Amino acid sequence: MNDTHYSIDVHKKHLEELKDLYKALVKIAEISREHDIMID
């Protein structure tokens, strides 16, 4: 996403779900990067 910063409003009751989603997306990015390195 380059250097673009985003701001979102999240209701407190959804904060833990959002944290879990963020962790999952970071893990997917790491696996994807590792996969790209293995292929090259």
PDB file of N, CA and C in Angstrom:
ATOM      1  N   MET A   1       0.817  -1.192   0.000  1.00  0.00           N
ATOM      2  CA  MET A   1       0.000   0.000   0.000  1.00  0.00           C
ATOM      3  C   MET A   1       0.857   1.251   0.000  1.00  0.00           C
ATOM      4  N   ASN A   2       2.088   1.118  -0.356  1.00  0.00           N
ATOM      5  CA  ASN A   2       2.996   2.259  -0.427  1.00  0.00           C
ATOM      6  C   ASN A   2       3.069   2.972   0.913  1.00  0.00           C
ATOM      7  N   ASP A   3       3.127   4.279   0.889  1.00  0.00           N
ATOM      8  CA  ASP A   3       3.195   5.063   2.123  1.00  0.00           C
ATOM      9  C   ASP A   3       1.865   5.722   2.454  1.00  0.00           C
ATOM     10  N   THR A   4       0.799   5.222   1.887  1.00  0.00           N
ATOM     11  CA  THR A   4      -0.523   5.767   2.151  1.00  0.00           C
ATOM     12  C   THR A   4      -1.003   5.287   3.518  1.00  0.00           C
ATOM     13  N   HIS A   5      -1.491   6.199   4.332  1.00  0.00           N
ATOM     14  CA  HIS A   5      -1.995   5.863   5.647  1.00  0.00           C
ATOM     15  C   HIS A   5      -3.521   5.920   5.627  1.00  0.00           C
ATOM     16  N   TYR A   6      -4.117   4.976   6.318  1.00  0.00           N
ATOM     17  CA  TYR A   6      -5.563   4.903   6.384  1.00  0.00           C
ATOM     18  C   TYR A   6      -6.011   4.999   7.835  1.00  0.00           C
ATOM     19  N   SER A   7      -7.183   5.509   8.031  1.00  0.00           N
ATOM     20  CA  SER A   7      -7.766   5.592   9.357  1.00  0.00           C
ATOM     21  C   SER A   7      -9.182   5.052   9.275  1.00  0.00           C
ATOM     22  N   ILE A   8      -9.505   4.139  10.188  1.00  0.00           N
ATOM     23  CA  ILE A   8     -10.862   3.599  10.208  1.00  0.00           C
ATOM     24  C   ILE A   8     -11.395   3.672  11.633  1.00  0.00           C
ATOM     25  N   ASP A   9     -12.685   3.785  11.762  1.00  0.00           N
ATOM     26  CA  ASP A   9     -13.339   3.763  13.065  1.00  0.00           C
ATOM     27  C   ASP A   9     -13.872   2.361  13.298  1.00  0.00           C
ATOM     28  N   VAL A  10     -13.585   1.827  14.491  1.00  0.00           N
ATOM     29  CA  VAL A  10     -14.009   0.473  14.832  1.00  0.00           C
ATOM     30  C   VAL A  10     -14.696   0.513  16.188  1.00  0.00           C
ATOM     31  N   HIS A  11     -15.856  -0.094  16.244  1.00  0.00           N
ATOM     32  CA  HIS A  11     -16.561  -0.198  17.519  1.00  0.00           C
ATOM     33  C   HIS A  11     -15.749  -1.092  18.452  1.00  0.00           C
ATOM     34  N   LYS A  12     -15.724  -0.761  19.723  1.00  0.00           N
ATOM     35  CA  LYS A  12     -14.913  -1.510  20.695  1.00  0.00           C
ATOM     36  C   LYS A  12     -15.197  -3.007  20.676  1.00  0.00           C
ATOM     37  N   LYS A  13     -16.430  -3.386  20.435  1.00  0.00           N
ATOM     38  CA  LYS A  13     -16.760  -4.811  20.485  1.00  0.00           C
ATOM     39  C   LYS A  13     -16.157  -5.577  19.310  1.00  0.00           C
ATOM     40  N   HIS A  14     -15.684  -4.876  18.288  1.00  0.00           N
ATOM     41  CA  HIS A  14     -15.077  -5.542  17.135  1.00  0.00           C
ATOM     42  C   HIS A  14     -13.554  -5.439  17.121  1.00  0.00           C
ATOM     43  N   LEU A  15     -12.985  -4.837  18.150  1.00  0.00           N
ATOM     44  CA  LEU A  15     -11.551  -4.595  18.178  1.00  0.00           C
ATOM     45  C   LEU A  15     -10.744  -5.897  18.158  1.00  0.00           C
ATOM     46  N   GLU A  16     -11.120  -6.878  18.960  1.00  0.00           N
ATOM     47  CA  GLU A  16     -10.384  -8.153  18.991  1.00  0.00           C
ATOM     48  C   GLU A  16     -10.469  -8.877  17.648  1.00  0.00           C
ATOM     49  N   GLU A  17     -11.638  -8.816  17.020  1.00  0.00           N
ATOM     50  CA  GLU A  17     -11.787  -9.441  15.705  1.00  0.00           C
ATOM     51  C   GLU A  17     -10.885  -8.769  14.678  1.00  0.00           C
ATOM     52  N   LEU A  18     -10.802  -7.457  14.759  1.00  0.00           N
ATOM     53  CA  LEU A  18      -9.944  -6.715  13.835  1.00  0.00           C
ATOM     54  C   LEU A  18      -8.474  -7.059  14.059  1.00  0.00           C
ATOM     55  N   LYS A  19      -8.082  -7.197  15.323  1.00  0.00           N
ATOM     56  CA  LYS A  19      -6.704  -7.587  15.626  1.00  0.00           C
ATOM     57  C   LYS A  19      -6.398  -8.963  15.048  1.00  0.00           C
ATOM     58  N   ASP A  20      -7.323  -9.899  15.194  1.00  0.00           N
ATOM     59  CA  ASP A  20      -7.136 -11.239  14.637  1.00  0.00           C
ATOM     60  C   ASP A  20      -7.029 -11.197  13.116  1.00  0.00           C
ATOM     61  N   LEU A  21      -7.851 -10.390  12.492  1.00  0.00           N
ATOM     62  CA  LEU A  21      -7.803 -10.246  11.039  1.00  0.00           C
ATOM     63  C   LEU A  21      -6.458  -9.679  10.607  1.00  0.00           C
ATOM     64  N   TYR A  22      -5.977  -8.680  11.313  1.00  0.00           N
ATOM     65  CA  TYR A  22      -4.683  -8.066  10.992  1.00  0.00           C
ATOM     66  C   TYR A  22      -3.561  -9.098  11.112  1.00  0.00           C
ATOM     67  N   LYS A  23      -3.568  -9.873  12.196  1.00  0.00           N
ATOM     68  CA  LYS A  23      -2.547 -10.903  12.389  1.00  0.00           C
ATOM     69  C   LYS A  23      -2.591 -11.920  11.251  1.00  0.00           C
ATOM     70  N   ALA A  24      -3.786 -12.314  10.827  1.00  0.00           N
ATOM     71  CA  ALA A  24      -3.924 -13.271   9.730  1.00  0.00           C
ATOM     72  C   ALA A  24      -3.386 -12.682   8.430  1.00  0.00           C
ATOM     73  N   LEU A  25      -3.673 -11.437   8.159  1.00  0.00           N
ATOM     74  CA  LEU A  25      -3.183 -10.798   6.931  1.00  0.00           C
ATOM     75  C   LEU A  25      -1.661 -10.678   6.935  1.00  0.00           C
ATOM     76  N   VAL A  26      -1.082 -10.361   8.086  1.00  0.00           N
ATOM     77  CA  VAL A  26       0.377 -10.278   8.192  1.00  0.00           C
ATOM     78  C   VAL A  26       0.991 -11.650   7.936  1.00  0.00           C
ATOM     79  N   LYS A  27       0.402 -12.698   8.492  1.00  0.00           N
ATOM     80  CA  LYS A  27       0.905 -14.063   8.296  1.00  0.00           C
ATOM     81  C   LYS A  27       0.807 -14.469   6.829  1.00  0.00           C
ATOM     82  N   ILE A  28      -0.295 -14.149   6.184  1.00  0.00           N
ATOM     83  CA  ILE A  28      -0.450 -14.443   4.756  1.00  0.00           C
ATOM     84  C   ILE A  28       0.628 -13.732   3.946  1.00  0.00           C
ATOM     85  N   ALA A  29       0.906 -12.487   4.284  1.00  0.00           N
ATOM     86  CA  ALA A  29       1.947 -11.735   3.576  1.00  0.00           C
ATOM     87  C   ALA A  29       3.310 -12.387   3.772  1.00  0.00           C
ATOM     88  N   GLU A  30       3.614 -12.848   4.988  1.00  0.00           N
ATOM     89  CA  GLU A  30       4.891 -13.509   5.252  1.00  0.00           C
ATOM     90  C   GLU A  30       5.016 -14.798   4.448  1.00  0.00           C
ATOM     91  N   ILE A  31       3.973 -15.604   4.446  1.00  0.00           N
ATOM     92  CA  ILE A  31       3.986 -16.867   3.699  1.00  0.00           C
ATOM     93  C   ILE A  31       4.135 -16.600   2.207  1.00  0.00           C
ATOM     94  N   SER A  32       3.448 -15.589   1.736  1.00  0.00           N
ATOM     95  CA  SER A  32       3.527 -15.231   0.318  1.00  0.00           C
ATOM     96  C   SER A  32       4.946 -14.809  -0.054  1.00  0.00           C
ATOM     97  N   ARG A  33       5.576 -14.002   0.800  1.00  0.00           N
ATOM     98  CA  ARG A  33       6.951 -13.566   0.571  1.00  0.00           C
ATOM     99  C   ARG A  33       7.903 -14.759   0.549  1.00  0.00           C
ATOM    100  N   GLU A  34       7.753 -15.673   1.516  1.00  0.00           N
ATOM    101  CA  GLU A  34       8.594 -16.862   1.562  1.00  0.00           C
ATOM    102  C   GLU A  34       8.405 -17.705   0.308  1.00  0.00           C
ATOM    103  N   HIS A  35       7.186 -17.832  -0.126  1.00  0.00           N
ATOM    104  CA  HIS A  35       6.885 -18.602  -1.334  1.00  0.00           C
ATOM    105  C   HIS A  35       7.561 -17.973  -2.556  1.00  0.00           C
ATOM    106  N   ASP A  36       7.481 -16.656  -2.657  1.00  0.00           N
ATOM    107  CA  ASP A  36       8.122 -15.958  -3.786  1.00  0.00           C
ATOM    108  C   ASP A  36       9.627 -16.160  -3.781  1.00  0.00           C
ATOM    109  N   ILE A  37      10.234 -16.157  -2.585  1.00  0.00           N
ATOM    110  CA  ILE A  37      11.678 -16.359  -2.482  1.00  0.00           C
ATOM    111  C   ILE A  37      12.046 -17.772  -2.910  1.00  0.00           C
ATOM    112  N   MET A  38      11.248 -18.756  -2.509  1.00  0.00           N
ATOM    113  CA  MET A  38      11.525 -20.151  -2.870  1.00  0.00           C
ATOM    114  C   MET A  38      11.418 -20.372  -4.374  1.00  0.00           C
ATOM    115  N   ILE A  39      10.505 -19.673  -5.002  1.00  0.00           N
ATOM    116  CA  ILE A  39      10.290 -19.855  -6.451  1.00  0.00           C
ATOM    117  C   ILE A  39      11.418 -19.222  -7.250  1.00  0.00           C
ATOM    118  N   ASP A  40      11.956 -18.111  -6.764  1.00  0.00           N
ATOM    119  CA  ASP A  40      13.041 -17.421  -7.484  1.00  0.00           C
ATOM    120  C   ASP A  40      14.334 -18.094  -7.257  1.00  0.00           C
TER     121      ASP A  40
END
